[in-house]
């Protein structure tokens, strides 16, 4: 059975984009693969975080993972900082990384742009991400399109380490969904939907109130043509909404276009809100059950224990290959 690794930062609300682009796949994948799903809290501190809020976000994200349908009997769910091997592997992979390739990372350029002082972790976190993946010999990494560059770097680092020291790592592939890999802002459909958007109407959080979700969909930017048709270049707003509709309804975009032929955007948006809420309401109910339950901590403890066993063995192999520490006779 092939292995899958994926992680999400606990840096705020999980958006519809996060859910469609990555998390929605997790439930399907746990039945076919050996899955490791990680709350990557060490990545979150590459930008300023308030300690109490970060801890709340970690717990909230863990509850959401379970609420969407992850089964801890099938998949390993754990917190990155509770498995020390991640930081250890990240450092060793930093030492085979080049500054030039890290400076070329699109996310580093975006997050550091216009800032007088940039923390070193923002530059060097891609090797930590590589370590996250490589520790478990992951074959596949389900990600959105914006993370594809990081998977390519992970592959390069794994190959470089294998050739320079010893063949330890599996070279992973990105697994990008055909539809919905990149959900766009509801207010500016030329930009990716982001939880950090200063305009709260631009994104939908999985924990938004139903009325909020309806309002955000109804106020989503479209165009003046009034025809429900997928045309990413000329009709980015309605094309984005069609992508969301398709992912939540399990209908093809062509089927949805036919369904709304001769109908306006108002009816389309009202139905889209119903389709989205039909899936999100049960997730929210399960979330509130988990967030107030001791079962959540039990699941995370078990996940950390399982992850530690595997990750510490990989780190030992890396240290031996690089010549770190003592070799016992």
Protein backbone atom coordinates (compact mmCIF):
# COMPACT_ATOMS: atom_id res chain seq x y z
CA UNK A 1 0.00 0.00 0.00
CA UNK A 2 1.35 3.43 -0.95
CA UNK A 3 1.83 6.16 1.68
CA UNK A 4 0.35 9.66 1.65
CA UNK A 5 1.46 12.64 3.74
CA UNK A 6 -0.22 16.02 3.93
CA UNK A 7 -0.21 18.90 6.39
CA UNK A 8 -2.15 22.11 6.96
CA UNK A 9 -1.03 25.12 9.00
CA UNK A 10 -3.16 26.05 12.04
CA UNK A 11 -2.92 29.73 11.20
CA UNK A 12 -6.61 30.67 11.12
CA UNK A 13 -9.91 29.61 9.65
CA UNK A 14 -10.01 26.69 7.21
CA UNK A 15 -11.57 28.06 4.03
CA UNK A 16 -13.66 26.47 1.33
CA UNK A 17 -10.50 26.62 -0.79
CA UNK A 18 -8.51 24.57 1.76
CA UNK A 19 -11.36 22.08 2.00
CA UNK A 20 -11.85 21.58 -1.75
CA UNK A 21 -8.18 21.89 -2.68
CA UNK A 22 -6.85 19.46 -0.09
CA UNK A 23 -8.95 18.30 2.86
CA UNK A 24 -11.88 16.88 0.89
CA UNK A 25 -9.55 14.36 -0.72
CA UNK A 26 -8.33 13.08 2.65
CA UNK A 27 -11.46 11.10 3.48
CA UNK A 28 -11.43 9.30 0.12
CA UNK A 29 -7.69 8.62 0.29
CA UNK A 30 -7.71 7.01 3.75
CA UNK A 31 -9.51 3.99 2.31
CA UNK A 32 -6.87 3.37 -0.35
CA UNK A 33 -3.57 4.55 1.17
CA UNK A 34 -1.50 4.54 4.35
CA UNK A 35 -2.21 8.15 5.35
CA UNK A 36 -0.39 10.60 7.64
CA UNK A 37 -2.18 13.91 8.20
CA UNK A 38 -0.26 16.51 10.15
CA UNK A 39 -1.10 19.85 11.78
CA UNK A 40 2.08 21.71 10.85
CA UNK A 41 2.32 24.17 13.74
CA UNK A 42 6.08 24.70 13.31
CA UNK A 43 5.39 26.14 9.85
CA UNK A 44 2.83 28.52 11.34
CA UNK A 45 5.46 30.35 13.44
CA UNK A 46 7.34 31.58 10.35
CA UNK A 47 4.97 34.55 10.70
CA UNK A 48 4.00 36.18 14.04
CA UNK A 49 1.52 34.15 16.13
CA UNK A 50 -0.12 34.81 19.49
CA UNK A 51 0.61 31.72 21.62
CA UNK A 52 -2.89 31.23 23.08
CA UNK A 53 -4.57 31.72 19.71
CA UNK A 54 -2.16 29.32 18.00
CA UNK A 55 -3.00 26.59 20.53
CA UNK A 56 -6.72 27.19 19.93
CA UNK A 57 -6.18 26.97 16.18
CA UNK A 58 -4.23 23.70 16.52
CA UNK A 59 -7.07 22.10 18.47
CA UNK A 60 -9.70 23.54 16.13
CA UNK A 61 -7.93 22.19 13.04
CA UNK A 62 -7.61 18.75 14.64
CA UNK A 63 -11.36 18.73 15.35
CA UNK A 64 -12.06 19.76 11.74
CA UNK A 65 -9.88 16.96 10.37
CA UNK A 66 -12.08 14.50 12.29
CA UNK A 67 -15.32 16.35 11.48
CA UNK A 68 -14.77 16.03 7.73
CA UNK A 69 -14.63 12.26 8.19
CA UNK A 70 -11.06 11.22 8.98
CA UNK A 71 -11.02 7.87 10.76
CA UNK A 72 -8.11 7.56 13.27
CA UNK A 73 -8.27 3.79 12.78
CA UNK A 74 -7.38 4.28 9.10
CA UNK A 75 -5.28 7.48 9.11
CA UNK A 76 -2.65 8.86 11.50
CA UNK A 77 -3.51 12.38 12.70
CA UNK A 78 -0.86 14.24 14.72
CA UNK A 79 0.71 17.60 15.57
CA UNK A 80 4.09 18.34 13.96
CA UNK A 81 5.79 19.82 17.06
CA UNK A 82 4.93 16.68 19.06
CA UNK A 83 7.21 14.65 16.79
CA UNK A 84 10.78 16.02 17.29
CA UNK A 85 12.08 14.20 14.21
CA UNK A 86 10.46 16.86 11.99
CA UNK A 87 12.72 19.65 13.26
CA UNK A 88 15.74 17.32 13.17
CA UNK A 89 15.08 16.26 9.57
CA UNK A 90 14.37 19.87 8.59
CA UNK A 91 17.82 20.97 9.82
CA UNK A 92 19.65 18.16 8.01
CA UNK A 93 17.80 18.97 4.78
CA UNK A 94 18.62 22.68 5.20
CA UNK A 95 22.24 21.58 5.05
CA UNK A 96 21.75 20.14 1.55
CA UNK A 97 19.61 23.10 0.38
CA UNK A 98 20.94 26.09 -1.57
CA UNK A 99 20.03 29.67 -0.65
CA UNK A 100 19.30 30.46 -4.30
CA UNK A 101 16.65 27.77 -4.66
CA UNK A 102 15.00 28.81 -1.39
CA UNK A 103 14.91 32.47 -2.46
CA UNK A 104 13.16 31.42 -5.69
CA UNK A 105 10.19 29.94 -3.80
CA UNK A 106 7.09 31.90 -4.81
CA UNK A 107 5.61 31.88 -1.32
CA UNK A 108 8.81 33.29 0.16
CA UNK A 109 8.76 36.11 -2.39
CA UNK A 110 5.09 36.86 -1.67
CA UNK A 111 5.35 36.80 2.13
CA UNK A 112 8.64 38.72 2.34
CA UNK A 113 7.77 41.41 -0.20
CA UNK A 114 7.84 44.92 1.21
CA UNK A 115 9.05 43.84 4.66
CA UNK A 116 12.08 45.48 6.28
CA UNK A 117 12.91 42.42 8.41
CA UNK A 118 12.25 38.85 7.31
CA UNK A 119 12.71 35.96 9.75
CA UNK A 120 15.09 33.21 8.62
CA UNK A 121 12.38 30.57 9.10
CA UNK A 122 10.36 32.09 6.26
CA UNK A 123 13.26 31.37 3.91
CA UNK A 124 14.19 27.96 5.27
CA UNK A 125 10.83 26.35 5.95
CA UNK A 126 10.69 24.47 2.59
CA UNK A 127 13.37 22.00 3.83
CA UNK A 128 11.24 21.49 6.97
CA UNK A 129 8.26 20.77 4.71
CA UNK A 130 10.46 18.35 2.76
CA UNK A 131 11.36 16.65 6.04
CA UNK A 132 7.68 16.35 6.96
CA UNK A 133 7.04 14.39 3.78
CA UNK A 134 10.23 12.36 3.53
CA UNK A 135 10.19 11.09 7.12
CA UNK A 136 7.27 8.81 6.24
CA UNK A 137 8.56 7.75 2.80
CA UNK A 138 5.45 9.28 1.28
CA UNK A 139 4.68 8.28 -2.30
CA UNK A 140 2.05 10.99 -2.82
CA UNK A 141 1.32 14.42 -1.36
CA UNK A 142 -2.20 15.79 -1.96
CA UNK A 143 -1.84 19.55 -2.43
CA UNK A 144 -3.30 22.53 -4.24
CA UNK A 145 -1.51 23.96 -7.28
CA UNK A 146 0.16 26.67 -5.17
CA UNK A 147 2.20 24.02 -3.32
CA UNK A 148 3.46 22.24 -6.44
CA UNK A 149 6.76 24.18 -6.39
CA UNK A 150 7.46 22.98 -2.84
CA UNK A 151 6.89 19.36 -3.83
CA UNK A 152 9.35 19.81 -6.70
CA UNK A 153 11.93 21.14 -4.22
CA UNK A 154 11.20 18.19 -1.90
CA UNK A 155 11.92 15.81 -4.78
CA UNK A 156 15.18 17.65 -5.56
CA UNK A 157 16.34 17.52 -1.92
CA UNK A 158 15.45 13.83 -1.57
CA UNK A 159 17.33 12.99 -4.76
CA UNK A 160 20.33 15.14 -3.72
CA UNK A 161 20.52 13.51 -0.28
CA UNK A 162 20.17 10.00 -1.75
CA UNK A 163 23.01 10.62 -4.20
CA UNK A 164 25.31 12.47 -1.79
CA UNK A 165 24.94 10.12 1.19
CA UNK A 166 22.84 7.01 0.92
CA UNK A 167 19.57 6.00 -0.72
CA UNK A 168 17.10 6.59 2.12
CA UNK A 169 14.19 8.58 0.74
CA UNK A 170 11.26 7.72 -1.50
CA UNK A 171 10.83 10.43 -4.17
CA UNK A 172 7.26 11.72 -3.71
CA UNK A 173 4.78 12.96 -6.31
CA UNK A 174 2.21 15.73 -5.93
CA UNK A 175 -1.42 14.66 -6.16
CA UNK A 176 -3.44 17.62 -7.45
CA UNK A 177 -7.22 17.28 -7.96
CA UNK A 178 -8.44 17.82 -11.52
CA UNK A 179 -11.18 20.22 -10.44
CA UNK A 180 -11.08 22.73 -7.61
CA UNK A 181 -7.33 22.65 -7.07
CA UNK A 182 -7.42 26.44 -6.85
CA UNK A 183 -10.53 28.13 -5.48
CA UNK A 184 -10.50 31.88 -6.00
CA UNK A 185 -11.58 34.87 -3.93
CA UNK A 186 -15.32 35.62 -4.00
CA UNK A 187 -14.57 39.35 -4.31
CA UNK A 188 -11.57 39.23 -6.66
CA UNK A 189 -11.73 35.99 -8.68
CA UNK A 190 -8.29 36.64 -10.16
CA UNK A 191 -6.75 35.93 -6.72
CA UNK A 192 -6.70 32.70 -4.71
CA UNK A 193 -9.18 32.44 -1.83
CA UNK A 194 -7.21 33.15 1.34
CA UNK A 195 -8.07 33.19 5.05
CA UNK A 196 -5.70 36.15 5.43
CA UNK A 197 -7.70 38.31 2.99
CA UNK A 198 -8.56 41.61 4.74
CA UNK A 199 -12.04 41.45 3.18
CA UNK A 200 -14.06 38.78 5.08
CA UNK A 201 -16.55 38.59 2.17
CA UNK A 202 -13.76 37.22 -0.04
CA UNK A 203 -13.58 33.80 1.62
CA UNK A 204 -15.88 31.27 3.27
CA UNK A 205 -14.71 29.57 6.46
CA UNK A 206 -15.91 26.04 7.21
CA UNK A 207 -17.05 27.39 10.59
CA UNK A 208 -18.97 30.41 9.25
CA UNK A 209 -22.61 30.65 10.33
CA UNK A 210 -25.04 29.39 7.63
CA UNK A 211 -26.47 32.92 7.15
CA UNK A 212 -22.94 34.28 6.66
CA UNK A 213 -22.24 31.65 4.00
CA UNK A 214 -25.45 32.51 2.14
CA UNK A 215 -24.65 36.24 2.21
CA UNK A 216 -21.07 35.72 1.01
CA UNK A 217 -22.20 33.58 -1.94
CA UNK A 218 -24.97 36.02 -2.90
CA UNK A 219 -22.51 38.95 -2.82
CA UNK A 220 -19.83 37.10 -4.83
CA UNK A 221 -18.52 39.06 -7.81
CA UNK A 222 -19.71 37.79 -11.22
CA UNK A 223 -20.29 39.84 -14.39
CA UNK A 224 -23.10 41.70 -16.17
CA UNK A 225 -23.76 39.02 -18.81
CA UNK A 226 -26.06 36.91 -16.64
CA UNK A 227 -25.20 33.61 -18.37
CA UNK A 228 -24.10 30.66 -16.22
CA UNK A 229 -21.17 29.48 -18.30
CA UNK A 230 -17.62 28.38 -17.50
CA UNK A 231 -15.09 30.74 -19.10
CA UNK A 232 -12.12 31.26 -16.80
CA UNK A 233 -10.59 34.08 -18.83
CA UNK A 234 -13.68 36.19 -19.59
CA UNK A 235 -15.97 35.14 -16.71
CA UNK A 236 -13.64 34.35 -13.77
CA UNK A 237 -16.26 35.02 -11.09
CA UNK A 238 -19.00 32.70 -12.35
CA UNK A 239 -16.36 30.12 -13.38
CA UNK A 240 -15.09 30.06 -9.77
CA UNK A 241 -18.64 29.57 -8.44
CA UNK A 242 -19.23 26.79 -10.98
CA UNK A 243 -16.09 25.03 -9.74
CA UNK A 244 -17.35 25.24 -6.15
CA UNK A 245 -20.82 24.02 -7.20
CA UNK A 246 -19.33 21.07 -9.08
CA UNK A 247 -17.21 20.00 -6.10
CA UNK A 248 -20.12 20.12 -3.66
CA UNK A 249 -22.83 18.68 -5.92
CA UNK A 250 -20.74 15.95 -7.64
CA UNK A 251 -22.16 17.22 -10.95
CA UNK A 252 -19.92 18.11 -13.88
CA UNK A 253 -19.61 21.77 -14.84
CA UNK A 254 -21.32 20.96 -18.16
CA UNK A 255 -24.30 19.43 -16.31
CA UNK A 256 -24.59 22.54 -14.12
CA UNK A 257 -24.41 24.84 -17.16
CA UNK A 258 -27.28 22.90 -18.75
CA UNK A 259 -29.27 22.99 -15.51
CA UNK A 260 -29.13 26.81 -15.42
CA UNK A 261 -29.53 27.51 -19.11
CA UNK A 262 -31.82 30.52 -19.46
CA UNK A 263 -31.72 31.20 -15.70
CA UNK A 264 -30.06 34.11 -13.92
CA UNK A 265 -27.25 34.42 -11.41
CA UNK A 266 -29.67 35.00 -8.52
CA UNK A 267 -31.24 31.54 -8.78
CA UNK A 268 -27.84 29.96 -9.41
CA UNK A 269 -26.29 31.58 -6.31
CA UNK A 270 -29.26 30.67 -4.09
CA UNK A 271 -28.97 27.02 -5.14
CA UNK A 272 -25.20 27.09 -4.73
CA UNK A 273 -25.62 28.26 -1.12
CA UNK A 274 -27.99 25.32 -0.45
CA UNK A 275 -25.56 22.84 -1.99
CA UNK A 276 -22.63 24.17 0.07
CA UNK A 277 -24.61 24.25 3.32
CA UNK A 278 -25.92 20.73 2.75
CA UNK A 279 -22.32 19.47 3.11
CA UNK A 280 -20.99 21.98 5.64
CA UNK A 281 -23.77 21.73 8.27
CA UNK A 282 -22.99 18.10 9.26
CA UNK A 283 -19.27 18.94 9.37
CA UNK A 284 -19.97 21.80 11.79
CA UNK A 285 -22.14 19.56 14.01
CA UNK A 286 -19.39 16.91 14.25
CA UNK A 287 -16.78 19.64 14.84
CA UNK A 288 -18.56 20.95 17.94
CA UNK A 289 -18.88 17.40 19.27
CA UNK A 290 -15.12 16.82 18.92
CA UNK A 291 -13.84 20.22 20.10
CA UNK A 292 -15.46 19.72 23.52
CA UNK A 293 -14.50 16.07 23.88
CA UNK A 294 -11.55 14.37 25.62
CA UNK A 295 -11.56 11.93 22.67
CA UNK A 296 -9.74 14.57 20.61
CA UNK A 297 -6.67 14.50 22.88
CA UNK A 298 -6.68 10.70 22.94
CA UNK A 299 -6.65 10.57 19.13
CA UNK A 300 -3.81 13.12 18.92
CA UNK A 301 -1.76 11.26 21.56
CA UNK A 302 -2.13 7.98 19.65
CA UNK A 303 -1.27 9.71 16.38
CA UNK A 304 1.89 11.29 17.81
CA UNK A 305 3.01 7.93 19.19
CA UNK A 306 2.57 6.18 15.83
CA UNK A 307 4.26 9.03 13.92
CA UNK A 308 7.18 9.16 16.39
CA UNK A 309 7.98 5.48 15.89
CA UNK A 310 8.31 5.84 12.13
CA UNK A 311 9.87 9.32 11.96
CA UNK A 312 12.58 8.61 14.58
CA UNK A 313 13.77 5.59 12.57
CA UNK A 314 14.12 7.74 9.42
CA UNK A 315 16.03 10.43 11.34
CA UNK A 316 18.42 7.78 12.67
CA UNK A 317 19.10 6.62 9.11
CA UNK A 318 19.73 10.24 8.04
CA UNK A 319 22.15 10.84 10.94
CA UNK A 320 24.03 7.62 10.22
CA UNK A 321 24.29 8.49 6.54
CA UNK A 322 25.66 11.99 7.32
CA UNK A 323 28.03 10.77 10.04
CA UNK A 324 26.34 12.49 12.96
CA UNK A 325 26.78 11.28 16.50
CA UNK A 326 28.64 8.15 17.61
CA UNK A 327 28.49 4.76 16.02
CA UNK A 328 28.09 2.11 18.70
CA UNK A 329 30.16 -1.05 18.42
